[in-house]
N, C-alpha and C. Protein backbone atom coordinates (compact mmCIF):
# COMPACT_ATOMS: atom_id res chain seq x y z
N MET A 1 -128.50 6.82 7.67
CA MET A 1 -129.32 6.23 6.63
C MET A 1 -128.42 5.51 5.62
N PRO A 2 -128.73 4.26 5.24
CA PRO A 2 -127.89 3.53 4.30
C PRO A 2 -127.87 4.22 2.94
N GLY A 3 -126.78 3.96 2.20
CA GLY A 3 -126.64 4.53 0.86
C GLY A 3 -127.71 4.01 -0.09
N LYS A 4 -127.89 4.73 -1.15
CA LYS A 4 -128.92 4.43 -2.14
C LYS A 4 -128.82 3.00 -2.68
N ASN A 5 -127.60 2.53 -2.90
CA ASN A 5 -127.41 1.20 -3.47
C ASN A 5 -126.89 0.19 -2.46
N SER A 6 -127.08 0.43 -1.17
CA SER A 6 -126.55 -0.46 -0.16
C SER A 6 -127.24 -1.82 -0.16
N TYR A 7 -128.42 -1.93 -0.75
CA TYR A 7 -129.13 -3.20 -0.80
C TYR A 7 -128.45 -4.20 -1.72
N ARG A 8 -127.61 -3.77 -2.61
CA ARG A 8 -127.00 -4.65 -3.60
C ARG A 8 -125.51 -4.73 -3.37
N LYS A 9 -125.04 -5.93 -3.13
CA LYS A 9 -123.61 -6.15 -2.97
C LYS A 9 -122.98 -6.20 -4.36
N ARG A 10 -121.95 -5.45 -4.56
CA ARG A 10 -121.26 -5.44 -5.85
C ARG A 10 -120.37 -6.67 -5.95
N ILE A 11 -120.59 -7.47 -6.97
CA ILE A 11 -119.86 -8.72 -7.13
C ILE A 11 -118.71 -8.49 -8.12
N GLU A 12 -117.51 -8.40 -7.61
CA GLU A 12 -116.34 -8.15 -8.44
C GLU A 12 -115.57 -9.44 -8.73
N ARG A 13 -115.73 -10.43 -7.89
CA ARG A 13 -114.99 -11.68 -8.03
C ARG A 13 -115.97 -12.81 -7.75
N TRP A 14 -115.47 -14.02 -7.68
CA TRP A 14 -116.32 -15.15 -7.34
C TRP A 14 -116.72 -15.04 -5.88
N ASP A 15 -117.99 -14.97 -5.61
CA ASP A 15 -118.53 -14.90 -4.25
C ASP A 15 -119.54 -16.03 -4.07
N THR A 16 -119.57 -16.61 -2.88
CA THR A 16 -120.58 -17.62 -2.60
C THR A 16 -121.95 -16.95 -2.57
N VAL A 17 -122.96 -17.76 -2.84
CA VAL A 17 -124.33 -17.25 -2.87
C VAL A 17 -125.04 -17.78 -1.64
N GLU A 18 -125.44 -16.90 -0.78
CA GLU A 18 -126.13 -17.28 0.44
C GLU A 18 -127.39 -18.08 0.10
N GLY A 19 -127.51 -19.25 0.71
CA GLY A 19 -128.68 -20.09 0.50
C GLY A 19 -128.56 -21.05 -0.68
N LEU A 20 -127.51 -20.93 -1.47
CA LEU A 20 -127.31 -21.82 -2.62
C LEU A 20 -125.96 -22.52 -2.46
N LYS A 21 -125.95 -23.59 -1.69
CA LYS A 21 -124.72 -24.29 -1.36
C LYS A 21 -123.97 -24.73 -2.62
N GLY A 22 -122.71 -24.40 -2.65
CA GLY A 22 -121.85 -24.80 -3.76
C GLY A 22 -121.84 -23.85 -4.95
N TRP A 23 -122.74 -22.89 -4.96
CA TRP A 23 -122.82 -21.97 -6.08
C TRP A 23 -122.02 -20.71 -5.78
N GLN A 24 -121.41 -20.20 -6.83
CA GLN A 24 -120.67 -18.94 -6.74
C GLN A 24 -121.25 -17.99 -7.78
N ALA A 25 -121.26 -16.72 -7.46
CA ALA A 25 -121.74 -15.70 -8.40
C ALA A 25 -120.55 -14.90 -8.89
N VAL A 26 -120.60 -14.52 -10.14
CA VAL A 26 -119.56 -13.65 -10.70
C VAL A 26 -120.22 -12.60 -11.56
N GLU A 27 -119.70 -11.41 -11.47
CA GLU A 27 -120.19 -10.31 -12.29
C GLU A 27 -119.77 -10.57 -13.73
N THR A 28 -120.74 -10.58 -14.63
CA THR A 28 -120.47 -10.77 -16.06
C THR A 28 -121.16 -9.64 -16.82
N LYS A 29 -120.57 -8.47 -16.71
CA LYS A 29 -121.13 -7.30 -17.38
C LYS A 29 -121.06 -7.45 -18.89
N GLY A 30 -121.90 -6.72 -19.54
CA GLY A 30 -121.93 -6.70 -21.00
C GLY A 30 -123.37 -6.60 -21.46
N HIS A 31 -124.13 -7.65 -21.24
CA HIS A 31 -125.55 -7.62 -21.59
C HIS A 31 -126.24 -6.53 -20.76
N ALA A 32 -125.85 -6.43 -19.50
CA ALA A 32 -126.35 -5.39 -18.61
C ALA A 32 -125.29 -5.13 -17.55
N GLN A 33 -125.34 -3.93 -16.97
CA GLN A 33 -124.37 -3.58 -15.94
C GLN A 33 -124.56 -4.39 -14.67
N SER A 34 -125.72 -4.95 -14.47
CA SER A 34 -126.00 -5.72 -13.26
C SER A 34 -125.97 -7.23 -13.49
N HIS A 35 -125.51 -7.66 -14.65
CA HIS A 35 -125.58 -9.09 -15.00
C HIS A 35 -124.59 -9.92 -14.19
N ILE A 36 -125.09 -11.05 -13.69
CA ILE A 36 -124.22 -12.03 -13.03
C ILE A 36 -124.45 -13.39 -13.66
N SER A 37 -123.47 -14.28 -13.49
CA SER A 37 -123.61 -15.68 -13.84
C SER A 37 -123.39 -16.48 -12.56
N LEU A 38 -123.93 -17.68 -12.53
CA LEU A 38 -123.77 -18.56 -11.38
C LEU A 38 -122.99 -19.80 -11.80
N TYR A 39 -122.05 -20.23 -10.94
CA TYR A 39 -121.17 -21.35 -11.27
C TYR A 39 -121.12 -22.32 -10.11
N HIS A 40 -121.24 -23.61 -10.43
CA HIS A 40 -121.11 -24.68 -9.44
C HIS A 40 -119.90 -25.52 -9.86
N SER A 41 -118.79 -25.38 -9.13
CA SER A 41 -117.54 -26.01 -9.54
C SER A 41 -117.58 -27.54 -9.45
N GLU A 42 -118.25 -28.09 -8.44
CA GLU A 42 -118.31 -29.55 -8.31
C GLU A 42 -119.12 -30.18 -9.44
N GLU A 43 -120.24 -29.55 -9.77
CA GLU A 43 -121.11 -30.06 -10.84
C GLU A 43 -120.66 -29.61 -12.22
N ARG A 44 -119.75 -28.63 -12.26
CA ARG A 44 -119.23 -28.06 -13.52
C ARG A 44 -120.37 -27.50 -14.38
N ILE A 45 -121.25 -26.75 -13.71
CA ILE A 45 -122.41 -26.12 -14.36
C ILE A 45 -122.27 -24.61 -14.25
N LEU A 46 -122.56 -23.94 -15.35
CA LEU A 46 -122.60 -22.48 -15.39
C LEU A 46 -124.00 -22.06 -15.82
N ILE A 47 -124.61 -21.18 -15.06
CA ILE A 47 -125.87 -20.55 -15.47
C ILE A 47 -125.50 -19.13 -15.87
N CYS A 48 -125.58 -18.86 -17.16
CA CYS A 48 -125.08 -17.58 -17.66
C CYS A 48 -126.16 -16.59 -18.05
N GLY A 49 -127.43 -16.96 -17.87
CA GLY A 49 -128.50 -16.03 -18.21
C GLY A 49 -128.41 -15.59 -19.66
N ASP A 50 -128.42 -14.29 -19.88
CA ASP A 50 -128.37 -13.74 -21.24
C ASP A 50 -126.96 -13.40 -21.69
N HIS A 51 -125.96 -13.83 -20.93
CA HIS A 51 -124.57 -13.52 -21.30
C HIS A 51 -124.16 -14.25 -22.57
N LEU A 52 -124.57 -15.48 -22.70
CA LEU A 52 -124.32 -16.26 -23.92
C LEU A 52 -125.62 -16.92 -24.33
N ILE A 53 -125.87 -16.92 -25.62
CA ILE A 53 -127.07 -17.56 -26.16
C ILE A 53 -126.59 -18.50 -27.26
N GLY A 54 -126.98 -19.75 -27.17
CA GLY A 54 -126.47 -20.77 -28.09
C GLY A 54 -126.76 -20.51 -29.55
N HIS A 55 -127.95 -20.00 -29.87
CA HIS A 55 -128.38 -19.90 -31.27
C HIS A 55 -128.23 -18.51 -31.89
N SER A 56 -127.83 -17.52 -31.10
CA SER A 56 -127.69 -16.18 -31.67
C SER A 56 -126.74 -15.35 -30.80
N PRO A 57 -126.31 -14.21 -31.32
CA PRO A 57 -125.45 -13.36 -30.49
C PRO A 57 -126.23 -12.78 -29.32
N ALA A 58 -125.56 -12.65 -28.20
CA ALA A 58 -126.19 -12.01 -27.03
C ALA A 58 -126.25 -10.51 -27.28
N GLY A 59 -127.28 -9.89 -26.78
CA GLY A 59 -127.38 -8.44 -26.90
C GLY A 59 -126.49 -7.76 -25.87
N VAL A 60 -125.76 -6.77 -26.33
CA VAL A 60 -124.90 -5.96 -25.47
C VAL A 60 -125.42 -4.53 -25.59
N PHE A 61 -125.90 -3.98 -24.48
CA PHE A 61 -126.64 -2.74 -24.53
C PHE A 61 -126.00 -1.63 -23.72
N LEU A 62 -126.04 -0.42 -24.28
CA LEU A 62 -125.59 0.77 -23.55
C LEU A 62 -126.58 1.08 -22.44
N GLU A 63 -126.04 1.55 -21.33
CA GLU A 63 -126.89 2.01 -20.24
C GLU A 63 -126.37 3.37 -19.81
N ALA A 64 -127.29 4.23 -19.43
CA ALA A 64 -126.89 5.55 -18.93
C ALA A 64 -126.16 5.38 -17.60
N PRO A 65 -125.23 6.27 -17.30
CA PRO A 65 -124.56 6.21 -15.99
C PRO A 65 -125.59 6.34 -14.86
N GLN A 66 -125.31 5.69 -13.74
CA GLN A 66 -126.23 5.75 -12.60
C GLN A 66 -126.21 7.11 -11.93
N HIS A 67 -125.06 7.79 -11.98
CA HIS A 67 -124.91 9.06 -11.28
C HIS A 67 -124.42 10.13 -12.24
N SER A 68 -124.88 11.34 -12.03
CA SER A 68 -124.47 12.47 -12.85
C SER A 68 -122.95 12.63 -12.79
N GLY A 69 -122.35 12.86 -13.92
CA GLY A 69 -120.91 13.08 -13.99
C GLY A 69 -120.09 11.81 -14.18
N GLU A 70 -120.72 10.65 -14.04
CA GLU A 70 -120.00 9.39 -14.26
C GLU A 70 -119.81 9.16 -15.76
N GLU A 71 -118.73 8.51 -16.09
CA GLU A 71 -118.50 8.13 -17.48
C GLU A 71 -119.43 6.97 -17.83
N ARG A 72 -119.91 6.93 -19.04
CA ARG A 72 -120.78 5.83 -19.45
C ARG A 72 -119.99 4.53 -19.52
N SER A 73 -120.70 3.45 -19.39
CA SER A 73 -120.06 2.14 -19.47
C SER A 73 -119.67 1.83 -20.91
N LYS A 74 -118.81 0.87 -21.07
CA LYS A 74 -118.40 0.38 -22.39
C LYS A 74 -118.71 -1.11 -22.42
N PRO A 75 -120.00 -1.43 -22.65
CA PRO A 75 -120.46 -2.80 -22.46
C PRO A 75 -119.83 -3.86 -23.36
N LEU A 76 -119.46 -3.52 -24.58
CA LEU A 76 -118.84 -4.54 -25.43
C LEU A 76 -117.46 -4.91 -24.89
N ILE A 77 -116.71 -3.94 -24.43
CA ILE A 77 -115.40 -4.22 -23.83
C ILE A 77 -115.60 -5.04 -22.56
N GLN A 78 -116.58 -4.68 -21.75
CA GLN A 78 -116.89 -5.45 -20.54
C GLN A 78 -117.31 -6.87 -20.89
N TYR A 79 -118.10 -7.01 -21.94
CA TYR A 79 -118.59 -8.31 -22.37
C TYR A 79 -117.42 -9.22 -22.75
N ILE A 80 -116.48 -8.69 -23.50
CA ILE A 80 -115.30 -9.48 -23.91
C ILE A 80 -114.50 -9.89 -22.67
N GLU A 81 -114.30 -8.97 -21.74
CA GLU A 81 -113.59 -9.30 -20.50
C GLU A 81 -114.31 -10.40 -19.73
N SER A 82 -115.64 -10.32 -19.68
CA SER A 82 -116.43 -11.34 -18.98
C SER A 82 -116.32 -12.70 -19.69
N LEU A 83 -116.35 -12.70 -21.01
CA LEU A 83 -116.18 -13.95 -21.75
C LEU A 83 -114.84 -14.59 -21.43
N LYS A 84 -113.80 -13.80 -21.42
CA LYS A 84 -112.45 -14.32 -21.13
C LYS A 84 -112.37 -14.85 -19.70
N LYS A 85 -113.08 -14.23 -18.79
CA LYS A 85 -113.14 -14.70 -17.40
C LYS A 85 -113.76 -16.10 -17.36
N LEU A 86 -114.84 -16.30 -18.13
CA LEU A 86 -115.53 -17.58 -18.13
C LEU A 86 -114.72 -18.68 -18.80
N LEU A 87 -113.80 -18.30 -19.69
CA LEU A 87 -112.94 -19.30 -20.34
C LEU A 87 -112.07 -20.06 -19.34
N LYS A 88 -111.83 -19.47 -18.19
CA LYS A 88 -110.96 -20.08 -17.19
C LYS A 88 -111.65 -21.19 -16.39
N LEU A 89 -112.96 -21.35 -16.59
CA LEU A 89 -113.73 -22.29 -15.79
C LEU A 89 -113.83 -23.66 -16.45
N PRO A 90 -113.67 -24.74 -15.66
CA PRO A 90 -113.99 -26.06 -16.19
C PRO A 90 -115.51 -26.25 -16.14
N VAL A 91 -116.15 -26.25 -17.31
CA VAL A 91 -117.60 -26.31 -17.40
C VAL A 91 -118.00 -27.44 -18.36
N ASP A 92 -118.95 -28.27 -17.91
CA ASP A 92 -119.49 -29.31 -18.78
C ASP A 92 -120.76 -28.85 -19.47
N VAL A 93 -121.57 -28.07 -18.77
CA VAL A 93 -122.82 -27.60 -19.37
C VAL A 93 -123.06 -26.16 -18.92
N THR A 94 -123.47 -25.35 -19.89
CA THR A 94 -123.82 -23.95 -19.64
C THR A 94 -125.29 -23.78 -19.95
N LEU A 95 -126.00 -23.24 -18.98
CA LEU A 95 -127.43 -23.00 -19.16
C LEU A 95 -127.64 -21.52 -19.44
N SER A 96 -128.20 -21.27 -20.60
CA SER A 96 -128.44 -19.91 -21.07
C SER A 96 -129.87 -19.51 -20.75
N GLY A 97 -130.12 -18.24 -20.81
CA GLY A 97 -131.49 -17.75 -20.62
C GLY A 97 -132.39 -18.05 -21.80
N HIS A 98 -131.81 -18.49 -22.92
CA HIS A 98 -132.57 -18.77 -24.14
C HIS A 98 -131.96 -19.97 -24.84
N GLY A 99 -132.77 -20.86 -25.29
CA GLY A 99 -132.31 -21.96 -26.13
C GLY A 99 -131.75 -23.14 -25.37
N GLU A 100 -131.12 -24.00 -26.12
CA GLU A 100 -130.57 -25.26 -25.62
C GLU A 100 -129.33 -25.01 -24.76
N PRO A 101 -129.01 -25.96 -23.89
CA PRO A 101 -127.76 -25.86 -23.13
C PRO A 101 -126.55 -25.82 -24.06
N ILE A 102 -125.54 -25.12 -23.64
CA ILE A 102 -124.29 -25.02 -24.40
C ILE A 102 -123.35 -26.07 -23.82
N ARG A 103 -122.91 -27.02 -24.65
CA ARG A 103 -122.09 -28.15 -24.17
C ARG A 103 -120.60 -27.90 -24.31
N GLN A 104 -120.21 -26.99 -25.16
CA GLN A 104 -118.78 -26.70 -25.37
C GLN A 104 -118.56 -25.21 -25.18
N LEU A 105 -118.47 -24.81 -23.92
CA LEU A 105 -118.35 -23.38 -23.59
C LEU A 105 -117.14 -22.72 -24.26
N PRO A 106 -115.94 -23.28 -24.17
CA PRO A 106 -114.80 -22.60 -24.82
C PRO A 106 -115.01 -22.38 -26.32
N LEU A 107 -115.56 -23.37 -27.00
CA LEU A 107 -115.83 -23.23 -28.43
C LEU A 107 -116.81 -22.10 -28.69
N LYS A 108 -117.89 -22.05 -27.91
CA LYS A 108 -118.90 -20.98 -28.08
C LYS A 108 -118.27 -19.61 -27.82
N ILE A 109 -117.44 -19.51 -26.78
CA ILE A 109 -116.80 -18.22 -26.47
C ILE A 109 -115.86 -17.82 -27.59
N HIS A 110 -115.04 -18.74 -28.09
CA HIS A 110 -114.11 -18.40 -29.17
C HIS A 110 -114.87 -18.01 -30.45
N GLU A 111 -115.96 -18.70 -30.76
CA GLU A 111 -116.80 -18.33 -31.91
C GLU A 111 -117.35 -16.91 -31.73
N THR A 112 -117.81 -16.61 -30.53
CA THR A 112 -118.37 -15.29 -30.23
C THR A 112 -117.31 -14.21 -30.38
N LEU A 113 -116.11 -14.46 -29.85
CA LEU A 113 -115.03 -13.48 -29.97
C LEU A 113 -114.63 -13.26 -31.42
N LYS A 114 -114.62 -14.32 -32.23
CA LYS A 114 -114.30 -14.18 -33.66
C LYS A 114 -115.36 -13.34 -34.37
N LYS A 115 -116.62 -13.56 -34.03
CA LYS A 115 -117.70 -12.77 -34.64
C LYS A 115 -117.57 -11.30 -34.28
N ILE A 116 -117.22 -11.03 -33.03
CA ILE A 116 -117.02 -9.63 -32.61
C ILE A 116 -115.88 -9.01 -33.40
N ASP A 117 -114.76 -9.74 -33.54
CA ASP A 117 -113.62 -9.24 -34.31
C ASP A 117 -114.00 -8.99 -35.77
N LYS A 118 -114.80 -9.88 -36.34
CA LYS A 118 -115.23 -9.72 -37.74
C LYS A 118 -116.10 -8.46 -37.89
N ARG A 119 -117.02 -8.24 -36.94
CA ARG A 119 -117.86 -7.04 -36.99
C ARG A 119 -117.02 -5.78 -36.79
N ALA A 120 -116.04 -5.84 -35.89
CA ALA A 120 -115.16 -4.69 -35.66
C ALA A 120 -114.36 -4.38 -36.92
N ALA A 121 -113.88 -5.40 -37.60
CA ALA A 121 -113.13 -5.19 -38.85
C ALA A 121 -114.03 -4.56 -39.92
N ARG A 122 -115.29 -4.95 -39.94
CA ARG A 122 -116.22 -4.35 -40.90
C ARG A 122 -116.41 -2.86 -40.62
N VAL A 123 -116.55 -2.51 -39.33
CA VAL A 123 -116.69 -1.10 -38.96
C VAL A 123 -115.43 -0.34 -39.33
N LYS A 124 -114.28 -0.89 -39.00
CA LYS A 124 -113.01 -0.23 -39.33
C LYS A 124 -112.90 -0.03 -40.85
N GLY A 125 -113.33 -1.02 -41.61
CA GLY A 125 -113.30 -0.91 -43.07
C GLY A 125 -114.15 0.25 -43.57
N LYS A 126 -115.28 0.50 -42.93
CA LYS A 126 -116.15 1.62 -43.32
C LYS A 126 -115.51 2.96 -43.01
N LEU A 127 -114.51 2.95 -42.12
CA LEU A 127 -113.86 4.20 -41.71
C LEU A 127 -112.51 4.41 -42.39
N GLN A 128 -112.14 3.55 -43.31
CA GLN A 128 -110.83 3.64 -43.97
C GLN A 128 -110.72 4.86 -44.88
N ARG A 129 -111.76 5.13 -45.64
CA ARG A 129 -111.67 6.20 -46.65
C ARG A 129 -112.10 7.56 -46.14
N ASN A 130 -113.19 7.57 -45.38
CA ASN A 130 -113.75 8.85 -44.92
C ASN A 130 -114.08 8.75 -43.44
N LYS A 131 -113.97 9.88 -42.77
CA LYS A 131 -114.42 9.93 -41.38
C LYS A 131 -115.94 9.98 -41.39
N LYS A 132 -116.54 9.42 -40.34
CA LYS A 132 -117.99 9.35 -40.24
C LYS A 132 -118.43 9.59 -38.81
N THR A 133 -119.64 10.10 -38.66
CA THR A 133 -120.25 10.17 -37.34
C THR A 133 -120.82 8.78 -37.03
N GLY A 134 -121.15 8.55 -35.77
CA GLY A 134 -121.78 7.29 -35.39
C GLY A 134 -123.10 7.10 -36.14
N TYR A 135 -123.86 8.17 -36.29
CA TYR A 135 -125.14 8.13 -37.00
C TYR A 135 -124.94 7.70 -38.45
N GLU A 136 -123.98 8.31 -39.13
CA GLU A 136 -123.70 7.95 -40.52
C GLU A 136 -123.26 6.49 -40.62
N LEU A 137 -122.47 6.07 -39.67
CA LEU A 137 -121.98 4.70 -39.66
C LEU A 137 -123.13 3.70 -39.49
N ILE A 138 -124.06 4.00 -38.61
CA ILE A 138 -125.21 3.11 -38.39
C ILE A 138 -125.98 2.91 -39.69
N TYR A 139 -126.24 3.99 -40.42
CA TYR A 139 -126.98 3.86 -41.69
C TYR A 139 -126.16 3.13 -42.74
N GLU A 140 -124.86 3.31 -42.73
CA GLU A 140 -124.03 2.59 -43.69
C GLU A 140 -123.98 1.11 -43.37
N LEU A 141 -123.96 0.77 -42.10
CA LEU A 141 -123.90 -0.63 -41.69
C LEU A 141 -125.24 -1.34 -41.84
N TYR A 142 -126.32 -0.69 -41.47
CA TYR A 142 -127.61 -1.38 -41.35
C TYR A 142 -128.67 -0.92 -42.34
N GLY A 143 -128.39 0.11 -43.10
CA GLY A 143 -129.33 0.58 -44.12
C GLY A 143 -130.71 0.89 -43.58
N ASN A 144 -131.72 0.46 -44.31
CA ASN A 144 -133.11 0.76 -43.96
C ASN A 144 -133.55 0.09 -42.66
N LYS A 145 -132.86 -0.97 -42.23
CA LYS A 145 -133.21 -1.66 -40.98
C LYS A 145 -132.94 -0.76 -39.77
N ALA A 146 -132.10 0.25 -39.95
CA ALA A 146 -131.70 1.11 -38.82
C ALA A 146 -132.91 1.76 -38.15
N GLU A 147 -133.87 2.20 -38.91
CA GLU A 147 -135.04 2.88 -38.35
C GLU A 147 -135.84 1.98 -37.42
N ALA A 148 -135.96 0.71 -37.79
CA ALA A 148 -136.82 -0.20 -37.04
C ALA A 148 -136.27 -0.56 -35.67
N ALA A 149 -134.96 -0.57 -35.53
CA ALA A 149 -134.36 -1.00 -34.25
C ALA A 149 -133.17 -0.11 -33.91
N MET A 150 -133.38 1.20 -33.96
CA MET A 150 -132.28 2.15 -33.77
C MET A 150 -131.55 1.93 -32.44
N GLY A 151 -132.27 1.67 -31.35
CA GLY A 151 -131.62 1.48 -30.05
C GLY A 151 -130.63 0.33 -30.06
N VAL A 152 -131.01 -0.76 -30.67
CA VAL A 152 -130.13 -1.94 -30.76
C VAL A 152 -128.91 -1.60 -31.61
N PHE A 153 -129.14 -0.94 -32.74
CA PHE A 153 -128.04 -0.62 -33.65
C PHE A 153 -127.11 0.44 -33.06
N ILE A 154 -127.64 1.37 -32.29
CA ILE A 154 -126.79 2.36 -31.62
C ILE A 154 -125.88 1.66 -30.63
N SER A 155 -126.44 0.77 -29.82
CA SER A 155 -125.63 0.02 -28.85
C SER A 155 -124.55 -0.78 -29.55
N ASP A 156 -124.92 -1.44 -30.64
CA ASP A 156 -123.96 -2.26 -31.37
C ASP A 156 -122.84 -1.40 -31.97
N ALA A 157 -123.20 -0.35 -32.66
CA ALA A 157 -122.20 0.50 -33.32
C ALA A 157 -121.29 1.19 -32.31
N ILE A 158 -121.86 1.74 -31.26
CA ILE A 158 -121.03 2.42 -30.26
C ILE A 158 -120.12 1.43 -29.56
N GLY A 159 -120.65 0.24 -29.28
CA GLY A 159 -119.81 -0.79 -28.67
C GLY A 159 -118.61 -1.14 -29.54
N LEU A 160 -118.84 -1.28 -30.84
CA LEU A 160 -117.75 -1.60 -31.76
C LEU A 160 -116.77 -0.43 -31.89
N LEU A 161 -117.30 0.80 -31.91
CA LEU A 161 -116.41 1.96 -31.94
C LEU A 161 -115.57 2.04 -30.66
N ASP A 162 -116.19 1.79 -29.51
CA ASP A 162 -115.43 1.76 -28.24
C ASP A 162 -114.30 0.74 -28.31
N LEU A 163 -114.61 -0.43 -28.83
CA LEU A 163 -113.61 -1.50 -28.93
C LEU A 163 -112.46 -1.10 -29.84
N LEU A 164 -112.78 -0.54 -31.00
CA LEU A 164 -111.74 -0.12 -31.94
C LEU A 164 -110.91 1.03 -31.37
N LEU A 165 -111.55 1.94 -30.65
CA LEU A 165 -110.80 3.02 -29.99
C LEU A 165 -109.87 2.44 -28.92
N ASP A 166 -110.38 1.49 -28.15
CA ASP A 166 -109.58 0.86 -27.10
C ASP A 166 -108.37 0.14 -27.68
N ARG A 167 -108.53 -0.42 -28.86
CA ARG A 167 -107.45 -1.14 -29.53
C ARG A 167 -106.55 -0.21 -30.34
N ASN A 168 -106.84 1.08 -30.32
CA ASN A 168 -106.10 2.09 -31.09
C ASN A 168 -106.12 1.83 -32.60
N GLU A 169 -107.23 1.27 -33.08
CA GLU A 169 -107.37 1.01 -34.51
C GLU A 169 -108.08 2.15 -35.22
N ILE A 170 -108.79 2.97 -34.47
CA ILE A 170 -109.45 4.15 -35.02
C ILE A 170 -109.21 5.31 -34.05
N ILE A 171 -109.53 6.50 -34.53
CA ILE A 171 -109.48 7.67 -33.65
C ILE A 171 -110.81 8.43 -33.76
N ALA A 172 -111.10 9.19 -32.73
CA ALA A 172 -112.30 10.03 -32.71
C ALA A 172 -111.83 11.48 -32.70
N GLU A 173 -112.45 12.30 -33.53
CA GLU A 173 -112.14 13.72 -33.59
C GLU A 173 -113.40 14.50 -33.28
N ASN A 174 -113.29 15.49 -32.42
CA ASN A 174 -114.43 16.31 -32.03
C ASN A 174 -114.40 17.59 -32.87
N HIS A 175 -115.44 17.77 -33.68
CA HIS A 175 -115.58 18.99 -34.48
C HIS A 175 -116.89 19.67 -34.07
N ASP A 176 -116.77 20.77 -33.34
CA ASP A 176 -117.93 21.54 -32.90
C ASP A 176 -118.95 20.67 -32.14
N GLY A 177 -118.44 19.79 -31.28
CA GLY A 177 -119.31 18.95 -30.46
C GLY A 177 -119.80 17.69 -31.12
N ILE A 178 -119.39 17.44 -32.34
CA ILE A 178 -119.79 16.23 -33.07
C ILE A 178 -118.56 15.34 -33.20
N LEU A 179 -118.69 14.07 -32.79
CA LEU A 179 -117.58 13.13 -32.91
C LEU A 179 -117.59 12.50 -34.31
N TYR A 180 -116.41 12.53 -34.92
CA TYR A 180 -116.17 11.86 -36.18
C TYR A 180 -115.13 10.78 -35.94
N TYR A 181 -115.34 9.62 -36.56
CA TYR A 181 -114.43 8.50 -36.39
C TYR A 181 -113.74 8.23 -37.70
N ARG A 182 -112.45 7.83 -37.61
CA ARG A 182 -111.73 7.42 -38.81
C ARG A 182 -110.70 6.40 -38.42
N ALA A 183 -110.31 5.58 -39.37
CA ALA A 183 -109.30 4.55 -39.13
C ALA A 183 -107.94 5.21 -38.97
N ASN A 184 -107.12 4.61 -38.14
CA ASN A 184 -105.73 5.08 -37.98
C ASN A 184 -104.92 4.79 -39.21
């Protein structure tokens, strides 16, 4: 009997797309663990779905592990890696899942990376004086708006904490099963 996920080929690199001559698919994790973008090198077109949105930041969301015992994904780190992967492509037009076509992909990617760095610096700044839990940090960052869209804010805050931990700019301390974060 085939494996549970045998119906889906895992796209780790540029792969041709059966039935779509000239198109290649690439895994662009971040918005979702299953997100792909499509690229046509001759036409210099990228279809990026929800990976990049011209008029607003793309949503980067936490997803539960598919299997028990697996480590959870770190979608913001994956998102940044995917953006850097797309920087290597010669693209004239990028078609997003929302809004107008993006005509200057490298510029949009660099703007997006700068915004992520700015948000990460803001989080690190909140952790300079006192250690905080993720929950405390969400309320400090988003105030009363936190209640209305807690899922979005949890994904955002945890993604930024993952990024800062990965960069060794903050540390996490476990006290009786509760994680506290503080700046290095």
